[in-house]
Amino acid sequence: MSAAEIVVDGRGLEHPEPLERVLAALDTLQPGQPLRFLIHREPYPLYDILRRHHYRYEITEIADGGFGILISSP
């Protein structure tokens, strides 16, 4: 049984708090556990970090005009 999805809602927070919150959550991620990051704009620096550390991620636009990034461990 995999662990429950972690949700980090960074919408409306000032830079760099959304990035800091999602990076802290990544440190607690268990194998097979998904992390969903909600943000009001595309977090381009996060994409670079995820690629460098071999995380898988999928980006979707959400109804409020923001983005949802579903992240899973490498």
N, C-alpha and C. Protein backbone atom coordinates (compact mmCIF):
# COMPACT_ATOMS: atom_id res chain seq x y z
N MET A 1 0.84 -1.18 0.00
CA MET A 1 0.00 0.00 0.00
C MET A 1 0.89 1.24 0.00
N SER A 2 0.67 2.13 -0.97
CA SER A 2 1.50 3.32 -1.03
C SER A 2 0.95 4.40 -0.10
N ALA A 3 1.83 5.30 0.27
CA ALA A 3 1.46 6.38 1.18
C ALA A 3 0.53 7.37 0.49
N ALA A 4 -0.22 8.10 1.29
CA ALA A 4 -1.18 9.07 0.77
C ALA A 4 -0.48 10.22 0.05
N GLU A 5 -1.19 10.76 -0.92
CA GLU A 5 -0.66 11.88 -1.69
C GLU A 5 -0.43 13.09 -0.78
N ILE A 6 0.70 13.74 -0.98
CA ILE A 6 1.00 14.99 -0.29
C ILE A 6 0.55 16.12 -1.21
N VAL A 7 -0.12 17.13 -0.65
CA VAL A 7 -0.54 18.28 -1.44
C VAL A 7 0.12 19.52 -0.85
N VAL A 8 0.80 20.26 -1.72
CA VAL A 8 1.40 21.54 -1.34
C VAL A 8 0.71 22.61 -2.16
N ASP A 9 0.02 23.52 -1.49
CA ASP A 9 -0.68 24.59 -2.17
C ASP A 9 0.13 25.88 -2.04
N GLY A 10 0.77 26.24 -3.13
CA GLY A 10 1.60 27.45 -3.15
C GLY A 10 0.92 28.64 -3.79
N ARG A 11 -0.36 28.49 -4.12
CA ARG A 11 -1.08 29.57 -4.79
C ARG A 11 -1.18 30.79 -3.88
N GLY A 12 -0.85 31.94 -4.43
CA GLY A 12 -0.99 33.19 -3.70
C GLY A 12 0.16 33.51 -2.76
N LEU A 13 1.11 32.61 -2.60
CA LEU A 13 2.25 32.87 -1.73
C LEU A 13 3.31 33.66 -2.49
N GLU A 14 4.06 34.46 -1.77
CA GLU A 14 5.14 35.25 -2.37
C GLU A 14 6.39 34.40 -2.57
N HIS A 15 7.11 34.71 -3.64
CA HIS A 15 8.39 34.06 -3.93
C HIS A 15 9.33 34.33 -2.76
N PRO A 16 10.10 33.40 -2.30
CA PRO A 16 10.33 32.03 -2.75
C PRO A 16 9.56 30.97 -1.96
N GLU A 17 8.55 31.38 -1.18
CA GLU A 17 7.87 30.44 -0.29
C GLU A 17 7.28 29.21 -0.98
N PRO A 18 6.63 29.34 -2.16
CA PRO A 18 6.10 28.12 -2.80
C PRO A 18 7.20 27.10 -3.11
N LEU A 19 8.33 27.58 -3.62
CA LEU A 19 9.43 26.67 -3.94
C LEU A 19 10.00 26.05 -2.67
N GLU A 20 10.15 26.84 -1.63
CA GLU A 20 10.67 26.31 -0.37
C GLU A 20 9.76 25.23 0.19
N ARG A 21 8.45 25.45 0.11
CA ARG A 21 7.49 24.46 0.64
C ARG A 21 7.53 23.15 -0.14
N VAL A 22 7.58 23.25 -1.47
CA VAL A 22 7.57 22.01 -2.26
C VAL A 22 8.90 21.26 -2.10
N LEU A 23 10.01 21.98 -1.98
CA LEU A 23 11.29 21.30 -1.77
C LEU A 23 11.32 20.61 -0.40
N ALA A 24 10.76 21.24 0.62
CA ALA A 24 10.68 20.60 1.93
C ALA A 24 9.82 19.34 1.87
N ALA A 25 8.72 19.40 1.12
CA ALA A 25 7.84 18.23 0.98
C ALA A 25 8.55 17.11 0.23
N LEU A 26 9.36 17.46 -0.77
CA LEU A 26 10.11 16.43 -1.52
C LEU A 26 11.03 15.65 -0.59
N ASP A 27 11.58 16.33 0.42
CA ASP A 27 12.47 15.65 1.37
C ASP A 27 11.75 14.59 2.18
N THR A 28 10.43 14.68 2.29
CA THR A 28 9.67 13.71 3.09
C THR A 28 9.00 12.64 2.23
N LEU A 29 9.13 12.76 0.92
CA LEU A 29 8.45 11.86 -0.01
C LEU A 29 8.96 10.43 0.14
N GLN A 30 8.03 9.49 0.27
CA GLN A 30 8.36 8.07 0.35
C GLN A 30 8.31 7.46 -1.05
N PRO A 31 9.02 6.36 -1.28
CA PRO A 31 8.95 5.70 -2.59
C PRO A 31 7.51 5.38 -2.96
N GLY A 32 7.11 5.76 -4.16
CA GLY A 32 5.77 5.50 -4.65
C GLY A 32 4.72 6.50 -4.19
N GLN A 33 5.11 7.43 -3.33
CA GLN A 33 4.16 8.43 -2.83
C GLN A 33 4.12 9.64 -3.76
N PRO A 34 2.93 10.04 -4.21
CA PRO A 34 2.83 11.20 -5.09
C PRO A 34 2.77 12.51 -4.31
N LEU A 35 3.26 13.55 -4.94
CA LEU A 35 3.18 14.89 -4.38
C LEU A 35 2.51 15.77 -5.42
N ARG A 36 1.47 16.49 -5.03
CA ARG A 36 0.77 17.39 -5.94
C ARG A 36 1.06 18.82 -5.49
N PHE A 37 1.63 19.61 -6.40
CA PHE A 37 1.98 21.00 -6.12
C PHE A 37 1.06 21.90 -6.92
N LEU A 38 0.33 22.76 -6.21
CA LEU A 38 -0.58 23.70 -6.85
C LEU A 38 0.07 25.08 -6.79
N ILE A 39 0.11 25.77 -7.93
CA ILE A 39 0.82 27.04 -8.01
C ILE A 39 0.13 27.95 -9.02
N HIS A 40 0.21 29.25 -8.79
CA HIS A 40 -0.49 30.22 -9.63
C HIS A 40 0.27 30.56 -10.91
N ARG A 41 1.50 30.13 -11.05
CA ARG A 41 2.27 30.33 -12.28
C ARG A 41 3.21 29.16 -12.44
N GLU A 42 3.73 28.99 -13.66
CA GLU A 42 4.63 27.85 -13.88
C GLU A 42 5.94 28.05 -13.11
N PRO A 43 6.33 27.06 -12.34
CA PRO A 43 7.55 27.17 -11.52
C PRO A 43 8.78 26.65 -12.27
N TYR A 44 9.25 27.42 -13.25
CA TYR A 44 10.36 26.96 -14.09
C TYR A 44 11.60 26.53 -13.30
N PRO A 45 12.01 27.24 -12.24
CA PRO A 45 13.17 26.75 -11.48
C PRO A 45 12.94 25.36 -10.88
N LEU A 46 11.71 25.07 -10.48
CA LEU A 46 11.40 23.75 -9.93
C LEU A 46 11.60 22.67 -10.98
N TYR A 47 11.20 22.93 -12.20
CA TYR A 47 11.36 21.93 -13.26
C TYR A 47 12.83 21.53 -13.41
N ASP A 48 13.73 22.51 -13.36
CA ASP A 48 15.16 22.21 -13.46
C ASP A 48 15.63 21.34 -12.30
N ILE A 49 15.17 21.66 -11.10
CA ILE A 49 15.54 20.87 -9.92
C ILE A 49 15.02 19.45 -10.04
N LEU A 50 13.77 19.30 -10.45
CA LEU A 50 13.19 17.96 -10.60
C LEU A 50 13.95 17.13 -11.63
N ARG A 51 14.30 17.74 -12.75
CA ARG A 51 15.06 17.02 -13.79
C ARG A 51 16.43 16.60 -13.27
N ARG A 52 17.12 17.49 -12.59
CA ARG A 52 18.46 17.17 -12.08
C ARG A 52 18.44 16.02 -11.09
N HIS A 53 17.34 15.90 -10.34
CA HIS A 53 17.25 14.84 -9.33
C HIS A 53 16.39 13.66 -9.79
N HIS A 54 16.09 13.65 -11.08
CA HIS A 54 15.41 12.53 -11.74
C HIS A 54 14.00 12.23 -11.23
N TYR A 55 13.32 13.27 -10.74
CA TYR A 55 11.91 13.10 -10.39
C TYR A 55 11.08 13.09 -11.66
N ARG A 56 10.00 12.34 -11.64
CA ARG A 56 9.04 12.37 -12.74
C ARG A 56 7.97 13.39 -12.38
N TYR A 57 7.47 14.10 -13.38
CA TYR A 57 6.41 15.07 -13.09
C TYR A 57 5.52 15.27 -14.30
N GLU A 58 4.29 15.64 -14.01
CA GLU A 58 3.28 15.88 -15.04
C GLU A 58 2.59 17.20 -14.70
N ILE A 59 2.48 18.07 -15.68
CA ILE A 59 1.92 19.40 -15.48
C ILE A 59 0.53 19.46 -16.10
N THR A 60 -0.42 20.01 -15.33
CA THR A 60 -1.76 20.25 -15.87
C THR A 60 -2.19 21.66 -15.49
N GLU A 61 -2.98 22.28 -16.37
CA GLU A 61 -3.57 23.56 -16.03
C GLU A 61 -4.83 23.29 -15.21
N ILE A 62 -5.06 24.10 -14.20
CA ILE A 62 -6.25 23.92 -13.37
C ILE A 62 -7.22 25.07 -13.61
N ALA A 63 -8.45 24.88 -13.18
CA ALA A 63 -9.56 25.78 -13.51
C ALA A 63 -9.31 27.23 -13.13
N ASP A 64 -8.57 27.49 -12.06
CA ASP A 64 -8.36 28.87 -11.62
C ASP A 64 -7.26 29.59 -12.40
N GLY A 65 -6.74 28.93 -13.44
CA GLY A 65 -5.68 29.52 -14.25
C GLY A 65 -4.28 29.16 -13.78
N GLY A 66 -4.19 28.43 -12.69
CA GLY A 66 -2.89 28.01 -12.17
C GLY A 66 -2.47 26.67 -12.76
N PHE A 67 -1.54 26.06 -12.08
CA PHE A 67 -0.98 24.79 -12.54
C PHE A 67 -0.94 23.78 -11.41
N GLY A 68 -1.12 22.53 -11.77
CA GLY A 68 -0.96 21.41 -10.85
C GLY A 68 0.19 20.57 -11.37
N ILE A 69 1.17 20.32 -10.53
CA ILE A 69 2.30 19.51 -10.93
C ILE A 69 2.28 18.25 -10.05
N LEU A 70 2.10 17.11 -10.68
CA LEU A 70 2.11 15.83 -9.98
C LEU A 70 3.52 15.28 -10.07
N ILE A 71 4.14 15.09 -8.92
CA ILE A 71 5.55 14.70 -8.84
C ILE A 71 5.64 13.32 -8.20
N SER A 72 6.50 12.48 -8.75
CA SER A 72 6.76 11.17 -8.13
C SER A 72 8.26 10.94 -8.04
N SER A 73 8.64 10.12 -7.09
CA SER A 73 10.05 9.88 -6.82
C SER A 73 10.75 9.20 -7.97
N PRO A 74 12.06 9.41 -8.05
CA PRO A 74 12.83 8.81 -9.16
C PRO A 74 12.88 7.29 -9.06
